[in-house]
Protein backbone atom coordinates (compact mmCIF):
# COMPACT_ATOMS: atom_id res chain seq x y z
CA SER A 1 149.27 44.10 66.81
CA VAL A 2 148.96 47.85 66.33
CA PRO A 3 147.24 49.52 69.28
CA ASN A 4 144.10 51.51 68.44
CA TYR A 5 145.67 54.74 69.61
CA ALA A 6 148.17 54.50 66.74
CA ARG A 7 145.26 55.19 64.37
CA LEU A 8 144.82 58.77 65.59
CA MET A 9 144.38 61.44 62.93
CA SER A 10 145.43 65.08 62.91
CA ASP A 11 145.94 67.99 60.55
CA ILE A 12 149.23 68.92 62.23
CA CYS A 13 151.67 66.61 63.99
CA VAL A 14 154.33 68.28 66.14
CA LEU A 15 157.38 66.40 67.41
CA GLY A 16 159.36 68.12 70.15
CA ASN A 17 159.90 68.82 73.81
CA PHE A 18 157.97 69.96 76.83
CA VAL A 19 159.72 71.74 79.71
CA ALA A 20 158.42 73.57 82.76
CA ASP A 21 159.49 77.21 82.47
CA ASN A 22 160.75 78.95 85.63
CA SER A 23 160.66 82.62 84.65
CA PHE A 24 162.30 85.48 86.55
CA TYR A 25 161.49 89.10 85.61
CA ALA A 26 163.85 91.99 86.41
CA LYS A 27 164.66 95.50 85.17
CA GLN A 28 167.93 94.18 83.73
CA LEU A 29 169.49 90.81 83.00
CA PRO A 30 172.45 90.04 85.29
CA VAL A 31 175.95 89.89 83.81
CA LYS A 32 178.52 87.31 84.88
CA GLY A 33 179.01 87.39 88.66
CA GLN A 34 176.18 89.89 89.26
CA THR A 35 173.08 89.48 91.44
CA VAL A 36 170.00 91.59 90.67
CA PHE A 37 166.64 91.92 92.43
CA GLY A 38 163.69 90.51 90.51
CA SER A 39 160.27 92.07 90.10
CA GLY A 40 158.30 88.87 89.44
CA TYR A 41 158.44 85.09 89.10
CA GLN A 42 156.20 82.47 87.53
CA VAL A 43 156.22 78.77 86.66
CA GLY A 44 154.42 77.72 83.50
CA PRO A 45 154.45 75.32 80.55
CA GLY A 46 157.12 75.70 77.87
CA GLY A 47 159.38 73.83 75.43
CA LYS A 48 159.54 74.74 71.74
CA GLY A 49 157.65 71.73 70.42
CA SER A 50 154.90 71.90 73.02
CA ASN A 51 154.54 75.68 72.60
CA GLN A 52 154.20 75.28 68.82
CA ALA A 53 151.55 72.58 69.24
CA ILE A 54 149.56 74.81 71.63
CA ALA A 55 149.89 77.78 69.23
CA ALA A 56 148.45 75.76 66.32
CA ALA A 57 145.69 74.19 68.45
CA ARG A 58 144.53 77.60 69.70
CA LEU A 59 144.27 78.73 66.08
CA GLY A 60 141.71 76.02 65.37
CA SER A 61 143.88 73.28 63.87
CA LYS A 62 143.55 69.65 64.95
CA VAL A 63 146.95 68.94 66.50
CA ASN A 64 148.82 65.95 67.92
CA PHE A 65 151.99 66.41 69.95
CA LEU A 66 154.65 63.68 70.03
CA GLY A 67 156.80 64.16 73.10
CA LYS A 68 158.05 62.67 76.36
CA ILE A 69 157.62 63.83 79.95
CA GLY A 70 158.44 62.48 83.41
CA GLU A 71 156.13 60.95 85.97
CA ASP A 72 156.15 64.04 88.19
CA ALA A 73 154.39 67.33 88.99
CA ASN A 74 155.85 69.07 85.91
CA GLY A 75 154.64 66.19 83.76
CA LYS A 76 151.16 66.64 85.21
CA MET A 77 151.38 70.32 84.20
CA ALA A 78 151.93 69.16 80.60
CA ILE A 79 148.99 66.74 80.64
CA ASP A 80 146.70 69.43 82.12
CA LEU A 81 147.83 71.83 79.37
CA TYR A 82 146.98 69.35 76.60
CA LYS A 83 143.59 68.54 78.11
CA LYS A 84 142.77 72.25 78.30
CA ASN A 85 143.77 72.79 74.66
CA ASN A 86 142.10 69.69 73.16
CA ILE A 87 145.34 67.88 72.35
CA ASP A 88 145.13 64.10 72.77
CA GLN A 89 147.55 62.92 75.47
CA LYS A 90 147.87 59.41 73.98
CA THR A 91 150.86 60.53 71.89
CA VAL A 92 152.76 61.83 74.93
CA PHE A 93 155.13 59.22 76.39
CA ILE A 94 155.74 59.13 80.15
CA SER A 95 159.20 58.12 81.38
CA LYS A 96 159.70 56.43 84.74
CA GLU A 97 163.48 56.93 84.53
CA HIS A 98 163.81 60.61 83.59
CA PRO A 99 162.26 63.78 85.05
CA THR A 100 160.25 66.23 82.97
CA GLY A 101 162.49 68.87 81.41
CA VAL A 102 162.87 72.29 83.01
CA ALA A 103 164.08 75.69 81.83
CA GLY A 104 165.35 78.73 83.72
CA LEU A 105 164.45 82.04 82.05
CA MET A 106 165.64 85.52 82.94
CA ILE A 107 163.46 88.17 81.32
CA ASN A 108 164.11 91.92 81.04
CA LYS A 109 160.90 93.56 82.30
CA ASP A 110 161.45 96.70 80.18
CA ASP A 111 161.87 95.20 76.69
CA GLY A 112 160.91 91.52 77.09
CA THR A 113 164.31 90.16 75.99
CA ASN A 114 165.54 86.99 77.68
CA ALA A 115 168.33 84.54 78.46
CA ILE A 116 167.46 80.84 78.86
CA ILE A 117 169.02 77.61 80.16
CA VAL A 118 167.18 74.39 79.24
CA CYS A 119 167.61 70.98 80.92
CA PRO A 120 165.61 68.75 78.53
CA GLY A 121 165.18 65.75 80.84
CA ALA A 122 162.71 63.14 79.54
CA SER A 123 162.01 65.01 76.29
CA MET A 124 165.52 64.19 75.01
CA GLU A 125 164.89 60.47 75.59
CA ILE A 126 162.14 59.92 73.00
CA THR A 127 163.25 57.14 70.60
CA LYS A 128 162.78 56.17 66.94
CA GLN A 129 160.84 53.12 68.13
CA GLU A 130 158.40 55.35 70.02
CA ILE A 131 157.97 57.54 66.92
CA ASP A 132 157.26 54.39 64.90
CA LYS A 133 154.36 53.53 67.23
CA PHE A 134 152.62 56.55 65.69
CA SER A 135 154.06 56.20 62.17
CA ASN A 136 150.64 56.41 60.52
CA LEU A 137 149.97 59.68 62.37
CA VAL A 138 153.24 61.13 61.02
CA THR A 139 152.64 59.89 57.46
CA SER A 140 148.96 60.91 57.28
CA CYS A 141 149.09 64.44 58.77
CA LYS A 142 148.89 67.47 56.47
CA VAL A 143 151.76 69.32 58.19
CA PHE A 144 154.64 67.89 60.24
CA LEU A 145 156.52 70.39 62.44
CA THR A 146 159.66 69.80 64.47
CA GLN A 147 162.74 71.54 65.97
CA LEU A 148 166.19 70.55 67.27
CA GLU A 149 165.53 70.14 71.00
CA ILE A 150 165.50 66.33 70.86
CA LYS A 151 168.12 63.90 69.47
CA THR A 152 168.88 64.76 65.84
CA ASP A 153 168.79 61.14 64.62
CA VAL A 154 165.22 60.86 65.96
CA THR A 155 164.26 64.16 64.31
CA LEU A 156 165.70 63.07 60.95
CA HIS A 157 163.95 59.69 61.21
CA ALA A 158 160.61 61.47 61.78
CA LEU A 159 161.19 63.93 58.90
CA LYS A 160 161.85 61.00 56.54
CA LEU A 161 158.71 59.30 57.79
CA ALA A 162 156.65 62.47 57.24
CA LYS A 163 157.97 62.85 53.69
CA SER A 164 157.15 59.20 52.93
CA GLY A 165 153.53 60.35 53.34
CA ASN A 166 152.19 63.60 51.89
CA ALA A 167 153.03 65.88 54.82
CA ILE A 168 154.39 69.39 54.39
CA THR A 169 157.46 69.40 56.64
CA ILE A 170 158.68 72.35 58.72
CA LEU A 171 161.99 72.39 60.57
CA ASN A 172 162.46 75.23 63.03
CA PRO A 173 166.25 74.84 63.56
CA ALA A 174 166.30 75.87 67.19
CA PRO A 175 168.59 75.68 68.99
CA ALA A 176 171.08 76.04 66.13
CA ILE A 177 173.20 72.89 66.23
CA LYS A 178 175.18 71.03 63.59
CA ILE A 179 173.01 68.78 61.42
CA GLU A 180 173.93 66.52 58.50
CA ASP A 181 173.32 67.86 54.98
CA GLU A 182 170.88 64.95 54.51
CA PHE A 183 168.37 66.85 56.69
CA PHE A 184 167.84 69.59 54.12
CA LYS A 185 166.29 67.41 51.41
CA TYR A 186 163.42 66.44 53.74
CA ILE A 187 162.54 70.05 54.67
CA ASP A 188 159.76 71.92 52.86
CA PHE A 189 159.97 74.99 55.12
CA PHE A 190 163.19 75.95 56.96
CA THR A 191 162.45 78.67 59.56
CA PRO A 192 165.55 80.00 61.36
CA ASN A 193 165.73 83.39 63.05
CA GLU A 194 168.65 85.59 61.96
CA THR A 195 171.04 84.16 64.61
CA GLU A 196 170.21 80.56 63.68
CA ALA A 197 170.44 81.37 59.96
CA GLU A 198 173.90 82.89 60.53
CA PHE A 199 175.00 79.65 62.24
CA TYR A 200 174.15 77.55 59.16
CA TYR A 201 175.02 80.15 56.52
CA GLY A 202 178.33 81.17 58.14
CA LYS A 203 177.85 84.92 57.51
CA LYS A 204 176.12 87.82 59.30
CA ILE A 205 172.51 88.59 58.33
CA GLN A 206 171.53 92.16 59.17
CA ASN A 207 169.21 93.17 56.33
CA HIS A 208 166.94 91.84 53.60
CA ASP A 209 169.71 91.61 50.99
CA GLU A 210 171.78 89.37 53.27
CA ALA A 211 168.67 87.33 54.15
CA LYS A 212 168.03 86.84 50.42
CA LEU A 213 171.57 85.45 49.92
CA ALA A 214 171.18 83.17 52.93
CA GLY A 215 167.85 81.95 51.55
CA GLU A 216 169.52 81.10 48.23
CA PHE A 217 172.17 79.16 50.17
CA PHE A 218 169.51 77.09 51.98
CA ILE A 219 167.61 76.41 48.73
CA LYS A 220 170.82 75.08 47.15
CA LYS A 221 171.22 72.80 50.19
CA GLY A 222 167.88 71.19 49.28
CA VAL A 223 165.33 73.15 51.33
CA LYS A 224 162.17 73.93 49.30
CA ASN A 225 161.30 77.20 51.08
CA SER A 226 163.41 79.42 53.36
CA ILE A 227 161.76 81.73 55.92
CA ILE A 228 164.23 83.80 57.94
CA THR A 229 162.67 85.73 60.82
CA LEU A 230 164.39 89.07 61.44
CA GLY A 231 162.73 90.51 64.56
CA ASP A 232 161.58 94.08 63.96
CA LYS A 233 162.62 93.75 60.27
CA GLY A 234 159.90 91.15 59.69
CA VAL A 235 160.64 87.99 57.71
CA TYR A 236 162.31 87.15 54.41
CA PHE A 237 160.86 84.39 52.22
CA SER A 238 162.74 82.57 49.44
CA ASN A 239 162.16 79.62 47.13
CA ASN A 240 163.15 78.70 43.57
CA GLU A 241 160.41 80.85 42.03
CA THR A 242 160.32 84.00 44.17
CA ASP A 243 161.64 85.89 47.18
CA PHE A 244 160.23 88.79 49.17
CA PRO A 245 160.19 90.46 52.60
CA VAL A 246 157.12 90.74 54.84
CA PRO A 247 157.23 93.61 57.38
CA ALA A 248 156.87 93.16 61.14
CA LEU A 249 153.64 94.07 62.91
CA ASP A 250 153.11 97.50 64.48
CA LEU A 251 151.97 96.30 67.90
CA LYS A 252 149.29 98.14 69.86
CA GLY A 253 150.22 96.48 73.17
CA LYS A 254 153.52 96.77 75.08
CA VAL A 255 156.04 93.95 74.61
CA LEU A 256 156.13 92.11 77.95
CA ASP A 257 157.91 88.86 77.15
CA THR A 258 159.45 87.60 73.88
CA THR A 259 159.70 84.02 75.21
CA GLY A 260 157.90 81.73 72.78
CA ALA A 261 157.40 84.36 70.05
CA GLY A 262 159.29 82.17 67.56
CA ASP A 263 157.17 79.20 68.63
CA ALA A 264 153.99 81.22 68.08
CA PHE A 265 155.27 82.01 64.57
CA SER A 266 156.04 78.34 63.80
CA GLY A 267 152.70 77.08 65.14
CA ALA A 268 150.82 79.74 63.17
CA LEU A 269 152.81 78.98 60.01
CA ALA A 270 151.83 75.30 60.34
CA SER A 271 148.19 76.28 60.95
CA GLY A 272 148.16 78.65 57.96
CA LEU A 273 149.67 76.01 55.66
CA GLU A 274 147.17 73.41 56.91
CA LYS A 275 144.36 75.89 56.14
CA LYS A 276 145.84 76.26 52.60
CA MET A 277 146.51 80.01 52.95
CA ASP A 278 148.48 81.73 50.19
CA ILE A 279 152.12 82.02 51.37
CA LYS A 280 152.05 85.82 51.81
CA GLU A 281 148.78 85.61 53.74
CA CYS A 282 150.24 82.74 55.78
CA LEU A 283 153.35 84.75 56.73
CA LYS A 284 151.30 87.82 57.68
CA PHE A 285 149.12 85.56 59.84
CA ALA A 286 152.18 84.03 61.56
CA ILE A 287 153.74 87.47 62.16
CA LYS A 288 150.49 88.69 63.74
CA VAL A 289 150.23 85.63 66.03
CA SER A 290 153.88 85.97 67.04
CA GLY A 291 153.54 89.70 67.71
CA ILE A 292 150.45 89.31 69.89
CA SER A 293 152.17 86.56 71.93
CA THR A 294 154.86 89.06 73.03
CA THR A 295 152.23 91.25 74.71
CA LYS A 296 151.58 88.50 77.29
CA LYS A 297 153.76 86.84 79.91
CA GLY A 298 154.85 83.21 79.61
CA ALA A 299 155.32 80.85 76.69
CA ALA A 300 152.47 78.35 76.08
CA ASP A 301 150.13 80.55 78.16
CA ALA A 302 150.84 83.51 75.86
CA MET A 303 149.73 81.78 72.64
CA PRO A 304 146.77 83.76 71.25
CA LEU A 305 143.37 82.34 70.34
CA LEU A 306 142.02 82.65 66.80
CA SER A 307 139.37 85.09 68.08
CA GLU A 308 142.17 87.47 69.23
CA ILE A 309 143.80 87.37 65.78
CA ASN A 310 140.53 88.07 63.98
């Protein structure tokens, strides 16, 4: 029999990972063999999938997060985060065999740039069978959002499931790893940053013209819409009908930490699409959310509320 919790409903379903972020702030990032003194340290919730779910939830969307954590203090941090942000914990699996994932982040205090090592732990152990327990959630949501921080066969299985319903699918291909060409035909929105786009395209992307060519490459692969994020150059959008750039935001606040800025963008994109925003309006919205997130420290904790955007 199907348990009652498998009949949950949401506007956005996010599949991905949760990790506890251990963040170190310093005036410079150390090079190989170097030790530097830090100016701050914090532990907080992170993981691309979880961050994206929190971003969308704080923007007023009804969100479910499909993920896996350990039975430990870091796992409790995740559950507390979801309770605080009105995300139902019934879709979060708890492993008795694997610890909750952790990440070590080194962040440049002056410009917010970072270097990260992730140990995914339990999040990498989510299975197709566990996804299938919530198959009606995946097939009935308006927007399905995922990344590449769990096993790719599980991600592909979930994308196929989402497309068997009426979901708009978003793949944020981070980290950039090899995926089968089959992936591309199940992706409505493909959202790499310039480094990730270069990995799949095979050529450097340093301006809008190169982003346009890369977008055309992804469309030919089977993606419906390509959105390449280009940092301070904004984003470049492409599909079969049109292509255009959208400029970056001129921030009022100082950039403190770029950790999770891409996740803020993805969560806001999903929220904008769920709210049926016009694509240009949706991209401007996502850029604004992403920009504001960089003016705060942390990842999930830095995701802005809808009131801050307005």
